Amino acid sequence: MQFMNVILMVHFVELEGRSWVLQPLPLPSRSLVFIFLVAILFGFRFFHRHLH
């Protein structure tokens, strides 16, 4: 599980860095991407907990 957290964090930081350099997304879209990743993380945790 900790590995998944690290992967998601690295992916988000990379995404943030890219959008800071290129500025392809407006700020609300970046917030939506962050919320989306958080939702995936919590959903995965919930699923993982109830799987066992």
C-alpha atoms as a PDB file:
ATOM      1  CA  MET A   1       0.000   0.000   0.000  1.00  0.00           C
ATOM      2  CA  GLN A   2       2.807   2.399   0.855  1.00  0.00           C
ATOM      3  CA  PHE A   3       4.272   1.660  -2.576  1.00  0.00           C
ATOM      4  CA  MET A   4       1.000   2.740  -4.216  1.00  0.00           C
ATOM      5  CA  ASN A   5       1.066   6.003  -2.256  1.00  0.00           C
ATOM      6  CA  VAL A   6       4.602   6.713  -3.433  1.00  0.00           C
ATOM      7  CA  ILE A   7       3.696   5.965  -7.056  1.00  0.00           C
ATOM      8  CA  LEU A   8       0.685   8.281  -6.932  1.00  0.00           C
ATOM      9  CA  MET A   9       2.655  11.062  -5.257  1.00  0.00           C
ATOM     10  CA  VAL A  10       5.485  10.811  -7.799  1.00  0.00           C
ATOM     11  CA  HIS A  11       2.966  10.806 -10.643  1.00  0.00           C
ATOM     12  CA  PHE A  12       1.206  13.873  -9.232  1.00  0.00           C
ATOM     13  CA  VAL A  13       4.467  15.769  -8.689  1.00  0.00           C
ATOM     14  CA  GLU A  14       5.516  14.954 -12.246  1.00  0.00           C
ATOM     15  CA  LEU A  15       2.122  16.122 -13.502  1.00  0.00           C
ATOM     16  CA  GLU A  16       2.367  19.345 -11.477  1.00  0.00           C
ATOM     17  CA  GLY A  17       5.876  20.016 -12.727  1.00  0.00           C
ATOM     18  CA  ARG A  18       4.857  19.468 -16.343  1.00  0.00           C
ATOM     19  CA  SER A  19       1.850  21.764 -16.040  1.00  0.00           C
ATOM     20  CA  TRP A  20       4.019  24.415 -14.361  1.00  0.00           C
ATOM     21  CA  VAL A  21       6.466  24.266 -17.256  1.00  0.00           C
ATOM     22  CA  LEU A  22       4.018  24.040 -20.142  1.00  0.00           C
ATOM     23  CA  GLN A  23       0.944  25.592 -18.473  1.00  0.00           C
ATOM     24  CA  PRO A  24      -1.457  23.428 -20.562  1.00  0.00           C
ATOM     25  CA  LEU A  25      -4.098  23.279 -17.845  1.00  0.00           C
ATOM     26  CA  PRO A  26      -5.879  26.081 -16.023  1.00  0.00           C
ATOM     27  CA  LEU A  27      -5.770  25.944 -12.231  1.00  0.00           C
ATOM     28  CA  PRO A  28      -9.245  24.361 -11.760  1.00  0.00           C
ATOM     29  CA  SER A  29      -8.297  21.461 -14.026  1.00  0.00           C
ATOM     30  CA  ARG A  30      -5.172  20.818 -11.981  1.00  0.00           C
ATOM     31  CA  SER A  31      -7.275  20.790  -8.821  1.00  0.00           C
ATOM     32  CA  LEU A  32      -9.655  18.312 -10.463  1.00  0.00           C
ATOM     33  CA  VAL A  33      -6.734  16.042 -11.374  1.00  0.00           C
ATOM     34  CA  PHE A  34      -5.528  16.161  -7.764  1.00  0.00           C
ATOM     35  CA  ILE A  35      -9.022  15.388  -6.424  1.00  0.00           C
ATOM     36  CA  PHE A  36      -9.314  12.552  -8.951  1.00  0.00           C
ATOM     37  CA  LEU A  37      -6.035  10.999  -7.773  1.00  0.00           C
ATOM     38  CA  VAL A  38      -7.052  11.317  -4.119  1.00  0.00           C
ATOM     39  CA  ALA A  39     -10.408   9.682  -4.902  1.00  0.00           C
ATOM     40  CA  ILE A  40      -8.625   6.786  -6.638  1.00  0.00           C
ATOM     41  CA  LEU A  41      -6.292   6.381  -3.664  1.00  0.00           C
ATOM     42  CA  PHE A  42      -9.106   6.269  -1.119  1.00  0.00           C
ATOM     43  CA  GLY A  43     -11.165   3.996  -3.346  1.00  0.00           C
ATOM     44  CA  PHE A  44      -8.230   1.605  -3.667  1.00  0.00           C
ATOM     45  CA  ARG A  45      -7.728   1.598   0.110  1.00  0.00           C
ATOM     46  CA  PHE A  46     -11.419   0.898   0.703  1.00  0.00           C
ATOM     47  CA  PHE A  47     -11.422  -1.911  -1.865  1.00  0.00           C
ATOM     48  CA  HIS A  48      -8.187  -3.384  -0.501  1.00  0.00           C
ATOM     49  CA  ARG A  49      -9.469  -3.362   3.081  1.00  0.00           C
ATOM     50  CA  HIS A  50     -12.729  -5.113   2.180  1.00  0.00           C
ATOM     51  CA  LEU A  51     -10.994  -7.606  -0.073  1.00  0.00           C
ATOM     52  CA  HIS A  52      -9.291  -9.314   2.888  1.00  0.00           C
END
